[in-house]
Amino acid sequence: ARPAGDPGRVVNDADGAPLFFVTQQAPPQLVSALPPILEEVRRLVGPDRRVTVVFDRGGWSPKLFRKMEQGGFDVLTYRKGERITREPFDDD
């Protein structure tokens, strides 16, 4: 059960329309919450559509970003006080 006052999480499409609603209590870290959500998004939109995932720095994880990119997801986030380029995510 969610704590009183916790509305759950809504995953929206680019127009702001709800794609689905997450009713389980969110884990303490966004990094651990995203993988099952991304699996559901992929199931709903199909295997070929690029999806941009936007979140705050609570989801910062180069390992997760790499997996997201490999799964056809684009990431839009930030890490306070630090700019990075694409190189940390390249395997070369």
N, C-alpha and C. Protein backbone atom coordinates (compact mmCIF):
# COMPACT_ATOMS: atom_id res chain seq x y z
N ALA A 1 0.84 -1.19 0.00
CA ALA A 1 0.00 0.00 0.00
C ALA A 1 0.87 1.24 0.00
N ARG A 2 0.40 2.25 -0.70
CA ARG A 2 1.14 3.52 -0.74
C ARG A 2 0.85 4.31 0.53
N PRO A 3 1.80 5.12 0.94
CA PRO A 3 1.54 5.99 2.09
C PRO A 3 0.42 6.98 1.78
N ALA A 4 -0.29 7.41 2.79
CA ALA A 4 -1.35 8.39 2.60
C ALA A 4 -0.79 9.62 1.90
N GLY A 5 -1.49 10.10 0.92
CA GLY A 5 -1.06 11.29 0.19
C GLY A 5 -0.15 10.99 -0.99
N ASP A 6 0.32 9.74 -1.15
CA ASP A 6 1.17 9.38 -2.29
C ASP A 6 0.25 9.05 -3.46
N PRO A 7 0.24 9.87 -4.51
CA PRO A 7 -0.69 9.65 -5.60
C PRO A 7 -0.25 8.58 -6.60
N GLY A 8 0.92 7.99 -6.41
CA GLY A 8 1.44 7.07 -7.40
C GLY A 8 2.17 7.85 -8.48
N ARG A 9 2.48 7.20 -9.59
CA ARG A 9 3.22 7.86 -10.66
C ARG A 9 2.48 7.65 -11.97
N VAL A 10 2.40 8.70 -12.76
CA VAL A 10 1.79 8.62 -14.07
C VAL A 10 2.90 8.72 -15.11
N VAL A 11 2.91 7.82 -16.07
CA VAL A 11 3.85 7.86 -17.18
C VAL A 11 3.07 8.43 -18.37
N ASN A 12 3.56 9.57 -18.89
CA ASN A 12 2.85 10.30 -19.95
C ASN A 12 3.53 10.16 -21.29
N ASP A 13 2.75 10.37 -22.36
CA ASP A 13 3.34 10.45 -23.69
C ASP A 13 3.78 11.89 -23.96
N ALA A 14 4.29 12.14 -25.16
CA ALA A 14 4.84 13.46 -25.50
C ALA A 14 3.80 14.58 -25.43
N ASP A 15 2.53 14.24 -25.57
CA ASP A 15 1.47 15.25 -25.50
C ASP A 15 0.93 15.44 -24.09
N GLY A 16 1.49 14.70 -23.14
CA GLY A 16 1.04 14.81 -21.76
C GLY A 16 -0.11 13.87 -21.40
N ALA A 17 -0.55 13.08 -22.38
CA ALA A 17 -1.63 12.12 -22.11
C ALA A 17 -1.05 10.93 -21.34
N PRO A 18 -1.78 10.41 -20.37
CA PRO A 18 -1.26 9.27 -19.61
C PRO A 18 -1.10 8.03 -20.46
N LEU A 19 0.04 7.38 -20.30
CA LEU A 19 0.30 6.12 -20.98
C LEU A 19 -0.07 4.97 -20.06
N PHE A 20 0.35 5.08 -18.78
CA PHE A 20 -0.09 4.15 -17.74
C PHE A 20 0.21 4.75 -16.38
N PHE A 21 -0.33 4.12 -15.36
CA PHE A 21 -0.25 4.60 -13.98
C PHE A 21 0.46 3.55 -13.14
N VAL A 22 1.46 3.96 -12.36
CA VAL A 22 2.20 3.06 -11.48
C VAL A 22 1.64 3.24 -10.08
N THR A 23 1.08 2.17 -9.53
CA THR A 23 0.44 2.29 -8.21
C THR A 23 1.30 1.78 -7.07
N GLN A 24 2.37 1.05 -7.37
CA GLN A 24 3.20 0.54 -6.28
C GLN A 24 4.03 1.67 -5.68
N GLN A 25 4.41 1.49 -4.43
CA GLN A 25 5.24 2.48 -3.77
C GLN A 25 6.59 2.55 -4.47
N ALA A 26 7.04 3.74 -4.75
CA ALA A 26 8.31 3.92 -5.45
C ALA A 26 9.48 3.51 -4.56
N PRO A 27 10.48 2.82 -5.16
CA PRO A 27 11.68 2.51 -4.40
C PRO A 27 12.39 3.80 -4.01
N PRO A 28 13.29 3.74 -3.03
CA PRO A 28 13.96 4.95 -2.60
C PRO A 28 14.80 5.61 -3.70
N GLN A 29 15.26 4.83 -4.68
CA GLN A 29 16.07 5.40 -5.76
C GLN A 29 15.37 5.20 -7.10
N LEU A 30 15.32 6.26 -7.88
CA LEU A 30 14.71 6.21 -9.20
C LEU A 30 15.40 5.18 -10.09
N VAL A 31 16.71 5.00 -9.91
CA VAL A 31 17.48 4.06 -10.73
C VAL A 31 16.88 2.66 -10.66
N SER A 32 16.42 2.24 -9.50
CA SER A 32 15.84 0.90 -9.38
C SER A 32 14.38 0.86 -9.82
N ALA A 33 13.72 2.01 -9.89
CA ALA A 33 12.32 2.05 -10.31
C ALA A 33 12.17 2.05 -11.83
N LEU A 34 13.15 2.58 -12.54
CA LEU A 34 13.00 2.75 -13.98
C LEU A 34 12.95 1.47 -14.81
N PRO A 35 13.79 0.47 -14.58
CA PRO A 35 13.77 -0.70 -15.48
C PRO A 35 12.40 -1.34 -15.70
N PRO A 36 11.61 -1.64 -14.66
CA PRO A 36 10.30 -2.24 -14.95
C PRO A 36 9.34 -1.26 -15.66
N ILE A 37 9.47 0.01 -15.38
CA ILE A 37 8.65 1.02 -16.06
C ILE A 37 9.01 1.06 -17.54
N LEU A 38 10.30 1.02 -17.84
CA LEU A 38 10.75 1.06 -19.23
C LEU A 38 10.32 -0.20 -19.99
N GLU A 39 10.31 -1.34 -19.32
CA GLU A 39 9.82 -2.57 -19.94
C GLU A 39 8.36 -2.41 -20.35
N GLU A 40 7.56 -1.82 -19.48
CA GLU A 40 6.14 -1.62 -19.79
C GLU A 40 5.96 -0.60 -20.91
N VAL A 41 6.75 0.47 -20.90
CA VAL A 41 6.68 1.45 -21.98
C VAL A 41 7.01 0.77 -23.30
N ARG A 42 8.07 -0.01 -23.32
CA ARG A 42 8.47 -0.69 -24.56
C ARG A 42 7.36 -1.63 -25.04
N ARG A 43 6.74 -2.34 -24.13
CA ARG A 43 5.65 -3.25 -24.49
C ARG A 43 4.50 -2.47 -25.14
N LEU A 44 4.20 -1.28 -24.60
CA LEU A 44 3.07 -0.49 -25.10
C LEU A 44 3.34 0.20 -26.43
N VAL A 45 4.57 0.69 -26.64
CA VAL A 45 4.85 1.46 -27.85
C VAL A 45 5.46 0.63 -28.97
N GLY A 46 5.87 -0.58 -28.67
CA GLY A 46 6.46 -1.45 -29.69
C GLY A 46 7.97 -1.39 -29.69
N PRO A 47 8.59 -2.31 -30.43
CA PRO A 47 10.04 -2.46 -30.37
C PRO A 47 10.85 -1.43 -31.15
N ASP A 48 10.24 -0.73 -32.09
CA ASP A 48 11.01 0.14 -32.98
C ASP A 48 10.93 1.63 -32.68
N ARG A 49 10.01 2.03 -31.84
CA ARG A 49 9.82 3.47 -31.57
C ARG A 49 10.85 3.98 -30.58
N ARG A 50 11.50 5.10 -30.92
CA ARG A 50 12.41 5.76 -29.99
C ARG A 50 11.57 6.45 -28.93
N VAL A 51 12.00 6.38 -27.70
CA VAL A 51 11.29 6.99 -26.57
C VAL A 51 12.29 7.83 -25.79
N THR A 52 11.92 9.07 -25.48
CA THR A 52 12.76 9.93 -24.64
C THR A 52 12.24 9.88 -23.22
N VAL A 53 13.14 9.56 -22.29
CA VAL A 53 12.81 9.48 -20.88
C VAL A 53 13.42 10.71 -20.20
N VAL A 54 12.57 11.49 -19.53
CA VAL A 54 12.99 12.73 -18.89
C VAL A 54 12.80 12.60 -17.39
N PHE A 55 13.85 12.87 -16.63
CA PHE A 55 13.76 12.80 -15.17
C PHE A 55 14.86 13.64 -14.55
N ASP A 56 14.74 13.86 -13.25
CA ASP A 56 15.73 14.68 -12.57
C ASP A 56 16.96 13.84 -12.23
N ARG A 57 17.90 14.44 -11.56
CA ARG A 57 19.18 13.78 -11.29
C ARG A 57 19.07 12.58 -10.37
N GLY A 58 17.91 12.33 -9.78
CA GLY A 58 17.74 11.15 -8.93
C GLY A 58 17.91 9.85 -9.68
N GLY A 59 17.82 9.89 -11.00
CA GLY A 59 18.00 8.69 -11.80
C GLY A 59 19.36 8.58 -12.44
N TRP A 60 20.30 9.40 -11.99
CA TRP A 60 21.63 9.44 -12.60
C TRP A 60 22.35 8.10 -12.42
N SER A 61 22.63 7.45 -13.54
CA SER A 61 23.38 6.19 -13.52
C SER A 61 23.91 5.89 -14.92
N PRO A 62 25.20 6.08 -15.16
CA PRO A 62 25.75 5.76 -16.48
C PRO A 62 25.46 4.32 -16.91
N LYS A 63 25.46 3.39 -15.98
CA LYS A 63 25.15 1.99 -16.30
C LYS A 63 23.70 1.88 -16.81
N LEU A 64 22.76 2.53 -16.13
CA LEU A 64 21.37 2.53 -16.56
C LEU A 64 21.23 3.25 -17.90
N PHE A 65 21.92 4.37 -18.09
CA PHE A 65 21.85 5.11 -19.35
C PHE A 65 22.28 4.22 -20.52
N ARG A 66 23.34 3.46 -20.33
CA ARG A 66 23.84 2.57 -21.37
C ARG A 66 22.77 1.54 -21.74
N LYS A 67 22.16 0.94 -20.72
CA LYS A 67 21.10 -0.05 -20.98
C LYS A 67 19.91 0.60 -21.66
N MET A 68 19.58 1.82 -21.26
CA MET A 68 18.46 2.52 -21.87
C MET A 68 18.74 2.80 -23.35
N GLU A 69 19.94 3.26 -23.64
CA GLU A 69 20.30 3.54 -25.03
C GLU A 69 20.25 2.26 -25.86
N GLN A 70 20.74 1.17 -25.33
CA GLN A 70 20.70 -0.11 -26.04
C GLN A 70 19.26 -0.58 -26.25
N GLY A 71 18.35 -0.18 -25.37
CA GLY A 71 16.95 -0.56 -25.48
C GLY A 71 16.11 0.38 -26.33
N GLY A 72 16.75 1.38 -26.96
CA GLY A 72 16.01 2.30 -27.83
C GLY A 72 15.41 3.49 -27.10
N PHE A 73 15.94 3.80 -25.91
CA PHE A 73 15.47 4.96 -25.15
C PHE A 73 16.50 6.07 -25.20
N ASP A 74 16.04 7.31 -25.31
CA ASP A 74 16.90 8.48 -25.20
C ASP A 74 16.70 9.05 -23.81
N VAL A 75 17.76 9.63 -23.25
CA VAL A 75 17.74 10.13 -21.87
C VAL A 75 17.90 11.64 -21.87
N LEU A 76 17.08 12.30 -21.08
CA LEU A 76 17.21 13.73 -20.86
C LEU A 76 17.19 13.96 -19.36
N THR A 77 18.35 14.30 -18.80
CA THR A 77 18.48 14.53 -17.37
C THR A 77 19.68 15.44 -17.12
N TYR A 78 20.08 15.57 -15.89
CA TYR A 78 21.26 16.37 -15.58
C TYR A 78 21.93 15.84 -14.33
N ARG A 79 23.17 16.21 -14.18
CA ARG A 79 23.91 15.93 -12.96
C ARG A 79 24.47 17.26 -12.49
N LYS A 80 24.10 17.67 -11.32
CA LYS A 80 24.45 18.98 -10.81
C LYS A 80 25.97 19.19 -10.82
N GLY A 81 26.37 20.31 -11.41
CA GLY A 81 27.77 20.73 -11.37
C GLY A 81 28.70 20.01 -12.31
N GLU A 82 28.18 19.20 -13.22
CA GLU A 82 29.07 18.45 -14.09
C GLU A 82 28.46 18.30 -15.48
N ARG A 83 29.27 18.59 -16.51
CA ARG A 83 28.82 18.37 -17.88
C ARG A 83 29.56 17.17 -18.42
N ILE A 84 28.86 16.37 -19.19
CA ILE A 84 29.50 15.21 -19.78
C ILE A 84 29.22 15.19 -21.27
N THR A 85 29.98 14.39 -21.98
CA THR A 85 29.74 14.17 -23.40
C THR A 85 29.28 12.73 -23.58
N ARG A 86 29.10 12.34 -24.78
CA ARG A 86 28.63 10.99 -25.08
C ARG A 86 29.67 9.92 -24.75
N GLU A 87 30.95 10.26 -24.76
CA GLU A 87 32.02 9.28 -24.60
C GLU A 87 31.87 8.33 -23.41
N PRO A 88 31.41 8.78 -22.23
CA PRO A 88 31.31 7.82 -21.12
C PRO A 88 30.37 6.64 -21.41
N PHE A 89 29.51 6.76 -22.43
CA PHE A 89 28.55 5.72 -22.73
C PHE A 89 28.99 4.86 -23.92
N ASP A 90 30.05 5.27 -24.62
CA ASP A 90 30.53 4.51 -25.76
C ASP A 90 31.35 3.31 -25.29
N ASP A 91 31.22 2.21 -26.01
CA ASP A 91 31.99 1.02 -25.69
C ASP A 91 33.36 1.01 -26.36
N ASP A 92 33.60 1.89 -27.32
CA ASP A 92 34.89 1.89 -28.02
C ASP A 92 36.00 2.34 -27.10
